């Protein structure tokens, strides 16, 4: 589903990713772990098409398409979803308005019929209920006044509405209490655990992986994948840290 080969990415004049190789087949969840500054968020931003993250070499194939040759909105319409470590606030724009415009923009890009207001409201209420986010919060400006846990639940509501083919989740567990962590983990499993979907989880800690068990775990250090393994690798890193692995 996602195949990255020899990917090089720089920010300004500073190289961050230095020949990264990674393949995530359909139906699998892969976790990326690694020390601070290893390039984990850079990988997420480069795949999502964020400005300022310049691909200087390599390739990324997404479902048979050249991901790196697509504009950010085209990547989204093709089924790529990027979850942020720190979801942004958008004063003056309600969650409902933001989500409906986002969904219908993607549907137009794919040549699909837009959802009516009633159809969208029903979908939004179903997804917010499943994530334990009060429906009234969807009337508020995007993430304004939301707690860290509420922002992440709202992001999962967005993912449930968009129904992407592939989700890149950058430290989704950051700042979550136990209840929110469980709700987010269950949301990821409910929305993305399917034979035709894939997930790349970027995290520092094992705790999210207790709820969303990965098929593979990769250690990213100094811009490259230096070790890969099964779920036990995350437990090893939790016990021993990164020093032995990245040495």
Protein backbone atom coordinates (compact mmCIF):
# COMPACT_ATOMS: atom_id res chain seq x y z
CA UNK A 1 0.00 0.00 0.00
CA UNK A 2 2.83 2.41 0.90
CA UNK A 3 6.34 1.76 -0.34
CA UNK A 4 9.12 4.23 0.44
CA UNK A 5 12.54 3.78 -1.10
CA UNK A 6 15.74 5.70 -0.34
CA UNK A 7 13.82 8.77 0.84
CA UNK A 8 15.87 11.91 1.52
CA UNK A 9 14.22 14.97 3.06
CA UNK A 10 15.70 18.29 4.15
CA UNK A 11 14.40 21.34 5.96
CA UNK A 12 16.23 24.36 4.61
CA UNK A 13 19.84 23.28 4.18
CA UNK A 14 19.63 20.60 6.88
CA UNK A 15 19.18 16.98 5.76
CA UNK A 16 16.85 15.05 8.10
CA UNK A 17 15.93 11.80 6.36
CA UNK A 18 18.94 10.14 4.79
CA UNK A 19 17.87 7.17 2.71
CA UNK A 20 14.79 5.81 4.48
CA UNK A 21 13.22 2.57 3.25
CA UNK A 22 9.81 1.40 4.50
CA UNK A 23 6.98 -0.77 3.17
CA UNK A 24 3.54 -0.96 4.81
CA UNK A 25 1.27 -3.54 3.14
CA UNK A 26 -2.51 -3.18 3.08
CA UNK A 27 -4.20 -4.51 6.19
CA UNK A 28 -1.27 -3.78 8.50
CA UNK A 29 -0.40 -1.34 11.26
CA UNK A 30 3.25 -0.33 11.51
CA UNK A 31 4.77 1.69 14.34
CA UNK A 32 7.72 4.05 14.03
CA UNK A 33 9.68 4.65 17.23
CA UNK A 34 12.94 6.46 17.85
CA UNK A 35 14.76 9.08 19.88
CA UNK A 36 14.04 12.80 19.68
CA UNK A 37 15.38 14.36 16.49
CA UNK A 38 15.46 11.07 14.60
CA UNK A 39 13.17 12.36 11.83
CA UNK A 40 9.82 10.81 12.78
CA UNK A 41 7.71 13.94 12.35
CA UNK A 42 9.71 14.90 9.28
CA UNK A 43 8.66 11.61 7.69
CA UNK A 44 5.00 12.32 8.46
CA UNK A 45 5.13 15.90 7.16
CA UNK A 46 7.01 14.95 3.99
CA UNK A 47 4.48 12.24 3.15
CA UNK A 48 1.61 14.62 3.86
CA UNK A 49 3.13 17.32 1.63
CA UNK A 50 3.73 19.99 4.25
CA UNK A 51 5.62 23.01 2.84
CA UNK A 52 9.20 23.40 4.03
CA UNK A 53 9.95 19.68 3.98
CA UNK A 54 11.83 19.23 0.74
CA UNK A 55 12.22 15.77 -0.78
CA UNK A 56 15.72 15.69 -2.26
CA UNK A 57 15.76 12.05 -3.31
CA UNK A 58 13.93 8.74 -3.30
CA UNK A 59 10.35 7.72 -3.96
CA UNK A 60 7.05 6.99 -2.22
CA UNK A 61 4.49 4.79 -3.96
CA UNK A 62 0.96 4.97 -2.56
CA UNK A 63 -1.41 2.40 -4.03
CA UNK A 64 0.41 2.51 -7.35
CA UNK A 65 0.59 6.32 -7.48
CA UNK A 66 3.61 8.60 -7.08
CA UNK A 67 2.74 10.20 -3.76
CA UNK A 68 5.51 12.78 -3.95
CA UNK A 69 4.25 14.10 -7.30
CA UNK A 70 0.83 14.98 -5.82
CA UNK A 71 -0.33 18.19 -4.17
CA UNK A 72 -1.42 17.89 -0.51
CA UNK A 73 -5.13 18.04 -1.39
CA UNK A 74 -4.61 15.35 -4.02
CA UNK A 75 -2.94 13.11 -1.45
CA UNK A 76 -5.89 13.60 0.87
CA UNK A 77 -8.40 12.83 -1.88
CA UNK A 78 -6.41 9.69 -2.76
CA UNK A 79 -7.00 8.49 0.80
CA UNK A 80 -4.05 9.73 2.87
CA UNK A 81 -4.79 11.10 6.34
CA UNK A 82 -2.25 12.91 8.53
CA UNK A 83 -2.91 13.20 12.26
CA UNK A 84 -0.89 15.91 14.01
CA UNK A 85 0.91 15.77 17.32
CA UNK A 86 -0.52 19.20 18.10
CA UNK A 87 -3.83 19.72 16.22
CA UNK A 88 -4.23 23.37 15.24
CA UNK A 89 -6.99 25.73 16.36
CA UNK A 90 -9.05 27.57 13.73
CA UNK A 91 -11.01 30.40 15.36
CA UNK A 92 -14.21 31.42 13.58
CA UNK A 93 -14.71 28.10 11.78
CA UNK A 94 -16.99 25.53 13.39
CA UNK A 95 -16.00 21.88 13.53
CA UNK A 96 -19.12 20.95 11.56
CA UNK A 97 -18.36 23.47 8.82
CA UNK A 98 -14.72 22.42 8.65
CA UNK A 99 -15.48 18.71 8.50
CA UNK A 100 -18.29 19.02 5.96
CA UNK A 101 -16.24 21.22 3.62
CA UNK A 102 -13.25 18.87 3.97
CA UNK A 103 -15.28 15.76 3.21
CA UNK A 104 -17.16 17.24 0.26
CA UNK A 105 -13.97 18.72 -1.20
CA UNK A 106 -12.46 15.24 -1.23
CA UNK A 107 -15.62 13.72 -2.68
CA UNK A 108 -15.60 16.31 -5.49
CA UNK A 109 -11.95 15.55 -6.21
CA UNK A 110 -12.84 11.87 -6.58
CA UNK A 111 -15.86 12.59 -8.74
CA UNK A 112 -18.31 11.54 -6.02
CA UNK A 113 -21.58 13.20 -5.08
CA UNK A 114 -21.45 15.56 -2.11
CA UNK A 115 -23.28 14.68 1.08
CA UNK A 116 -26.35 16.75 1.92
CA UNK A 117 -26.50 18.67 5.17
CA UNK A 118 -28.75 16.05 6.77
CA UNK A 119 -26.58 13.16 5.61
CA UNK A 120 -23.47 14.83 6.95
CA UNK A 121 -25.01 15.70 10.34
CA UNK A 122 -26.06 12.07 10.80
CA UNK A 123 -22.54 10.86 9.95
CA UNK A 124 -20.87 13.42 12.24
CA UNK A 125 -23.11 12.49 15.17
CA UNK A 126 -22.40 8.78 14.67
CA UNK A 127 -18.65 9.33 14.67
CA UNK A 128 -18.60 11.75 17.61
CA UNK A 129 -20.74 9.37 19.67
CA UNK A 130 -18.38 6.49 18.91
CA UNK A 131 -15.43 8.57 20.16
CA UNK A 132 -17.18 9.87 23.25
CA UNK A 133 -17.09 13.47 22.03
CA UNK A 134 -20.30 15.39 22.86
CA UNK A 135 -22.09 16.39 19.65
CA UNK A 136 -22.41 19.98 20.90
CA UNK A 137 -18.63 20.33 20.67
CA UNK A 138 -18.89 20.00 16.91
CA UNK A 139 -20.62 23.39 16.85
CA UNK A 140 -17.61 25.09 18.43
CA UNK A 141 -14.67 26.59 16.50
CA UNK A 142 -12.12 23.98 15.46
CA UNK A 143 -10.19 22.89 18.57
CA UNK A 144 -10.63 26.29 20.28
CA UNK A 145 -10.81 25.75 24.03
CA UNK A 146 -10.50 21.97 23.61
CA UNK A 147 -8.35 20.01 26.04
CA UNK A 148 -5.53 17.87 24.64
CA UNK A 149 -7.70 14.77 24.87
CA UNK A 150 -10.66 16.50 23.22
CA UNK A 151 -8.46 17.64 20.33
CA UNK A 152 -7.30 14.08 19.72
CA UNK A 153 -10.83 12.69 19.96
CA UNK A 154 -11.95 15.36 17.48
CA UNK A 155 -9.15 14.31 15.15
CA UNK A 156 -10.36 10.72 15.35
CA UNK A 157 -13.89 11.96 14.55
CA UNK A 158 -12.42 13.63 11.48
CA UNK A 159 -10.69 10.39 10.49
CA UNK A 160 -13.93 8.47 10.94
CA UNK A 161 -15.79 10.91 8.71
CA UNK A 162 -13.10 10.95 6.01
CA UNK A 163 -12.58 7.16 6.05
CA UNK A 164 -9.05 7.32 4.61
CA UNK A 165 -7.23 4.40 3.05
CA UNK A 166 -4.03 5.12 4.96
CA UNK A 167 -3.48 7.06 8.18
CA UNK A 168 -0.19 8.55 9.36
CA UNK A 169 -0.63 9.39 13.04
CA UNK A 170 2.14 11.53 14.53
CA UNK A 171 2.31 10.97 18.29
CA UNK A 172 -1.46 10.73 18.62
CA UNK A 173 -0.95 9.56 22.23
CA UNK A 174 0.79 12.81 23.24
CA UNK A 175 -0.92 14.47 26.20
CA UNK A 176 -3.69 11.89 26.60
CA UNK A 177 -4.97 10.61 29.92
CA UNK A 178 -5.89 6.94 30.34
CA UNK A 179 -9.52 7.30 29.26
CA UNK A 180 -8.70 9.40 26.21
CA UNK A 181 -5.87 7.05 25.24
CA UNK A 182 -8.23 4.08 25.33
CA UNK A 183 -10.89 5.95 23.32
CA UNK A 184 -8.38 7.02 20.67
CA UNK A 185 -6.89 3.52 20.46
CA UNK A 186 -10.32 1.97 20.03
CA UNK A 187 -11.13 4.61 17.42
CA UNK A 188 -8.05 3.74 15.37
CA UNK A 189 -8.93 0.04 15.49
CA UNK A 190 -12.57 0.65 14.56
CA UNK A 191 -11.87 3.01 11.68
CA UNK A 192 -8.63 1.67 10.22
CA UNK A 193 -8.38 -2.06 10.98
CA UNK A 194 -9.42 -3.42 7.58
CA UNK A 195 -7.83 -5.52 4.82
CA UNK A 196 -7.77 -2.57 2.42
CA UNK A 197 -6.39 0.04 4.83
CA UNK A 198 -3.08 0.78 6.51
CA UNK A 199 -1.70 2.75 9.44
CA UNK A 200 1.67 4.25 10.30
CA UNK A 201 1.80 5.10 14.01
CA UNK A 202 4.58 7.40 15.15
CA UNK A 203 5.10 7.20 18.89
CA UNK A 204 7.66 7.37 21.68
CA UNK A 205 5.94 4.96 24.01
CA UNK A 206 4.49 1.48 24.28
CA UNK A 207 1.26 2.65 25.89
CA UNK A 208 -0.66 3.36 22.65
CA UNK A 209 0.54 0.03 21.28
CA UNK A 210 -1.24 -1.71 24.16
CA UNK A 211 -4.49 -0.66 22.46
CA UNK A 212 -3.40 -0.69 18.82
CA UNK A 213 -1.12 -3.69 18.41
CA UNK A 214 1.24 -3.17 15.47
CA UNK A 215 2.14 -5.85 12.97
CA UNK A 216 5.65 -4.39 12.69
CA UNK A 217 7.75 -1.97 14.71
CA UNK A 218 10.56 0.09 13.16
CA UNK A 219 13.25 2.10 14.91
CA UNK A 220 14.18 5.37 13.20
CA UNK A 221 17.51 6.92 14.08
CA UNK A 222 19.53 9.65 12.34
CA UNK A 223 17.20 9.63 9.34
CA UNK A 224 17.14 5.90 8.63
CA UNK A 225 15.33 2.76 9.76
CA UNK A 226 17.99 0.95 11.79
CA UNK A 227 15.96 -2.00 13.10
CA UNK A 228 12.60 -3.65 12.48
CA UNK A 229 10.73 -6.37 14.30
CA UNK A 230 7.44 -7.53 15.73
CA UNK A 231 5.47 -6.05 18.65
CA UNK A 232 8.07 -7.37 21.10
CA UNK A 233 10.56 -4.82 19.78
CA UNK A 234 8.45 -2.01 21.26
CA UNK A 235 8.47 -3.78 24.64
CA UNK A 236 12.25 -4.13 24.43
CA UNK A 237 12.63 -0.42 23.71
CA UNK A 238 10.36 0.40 26.65
CA UNK A 239 12.56 -1.68 28.97
CA UNK A 240 15.99 -0.85 27.61
CA UNK A 241 15.74 2.44 25.74
CA UNK A 242 17.26 3.19 22.35
CA UNK A 243 20.96 3.17 23.19
CA UNK A 244 21.61 -0.50 22.40
CA UNK A 245 19.48 -0.47 19.26
CA UNK A 246 20.87 2.66 17.63
CA UNK A 247 24.51 2.14 18.63
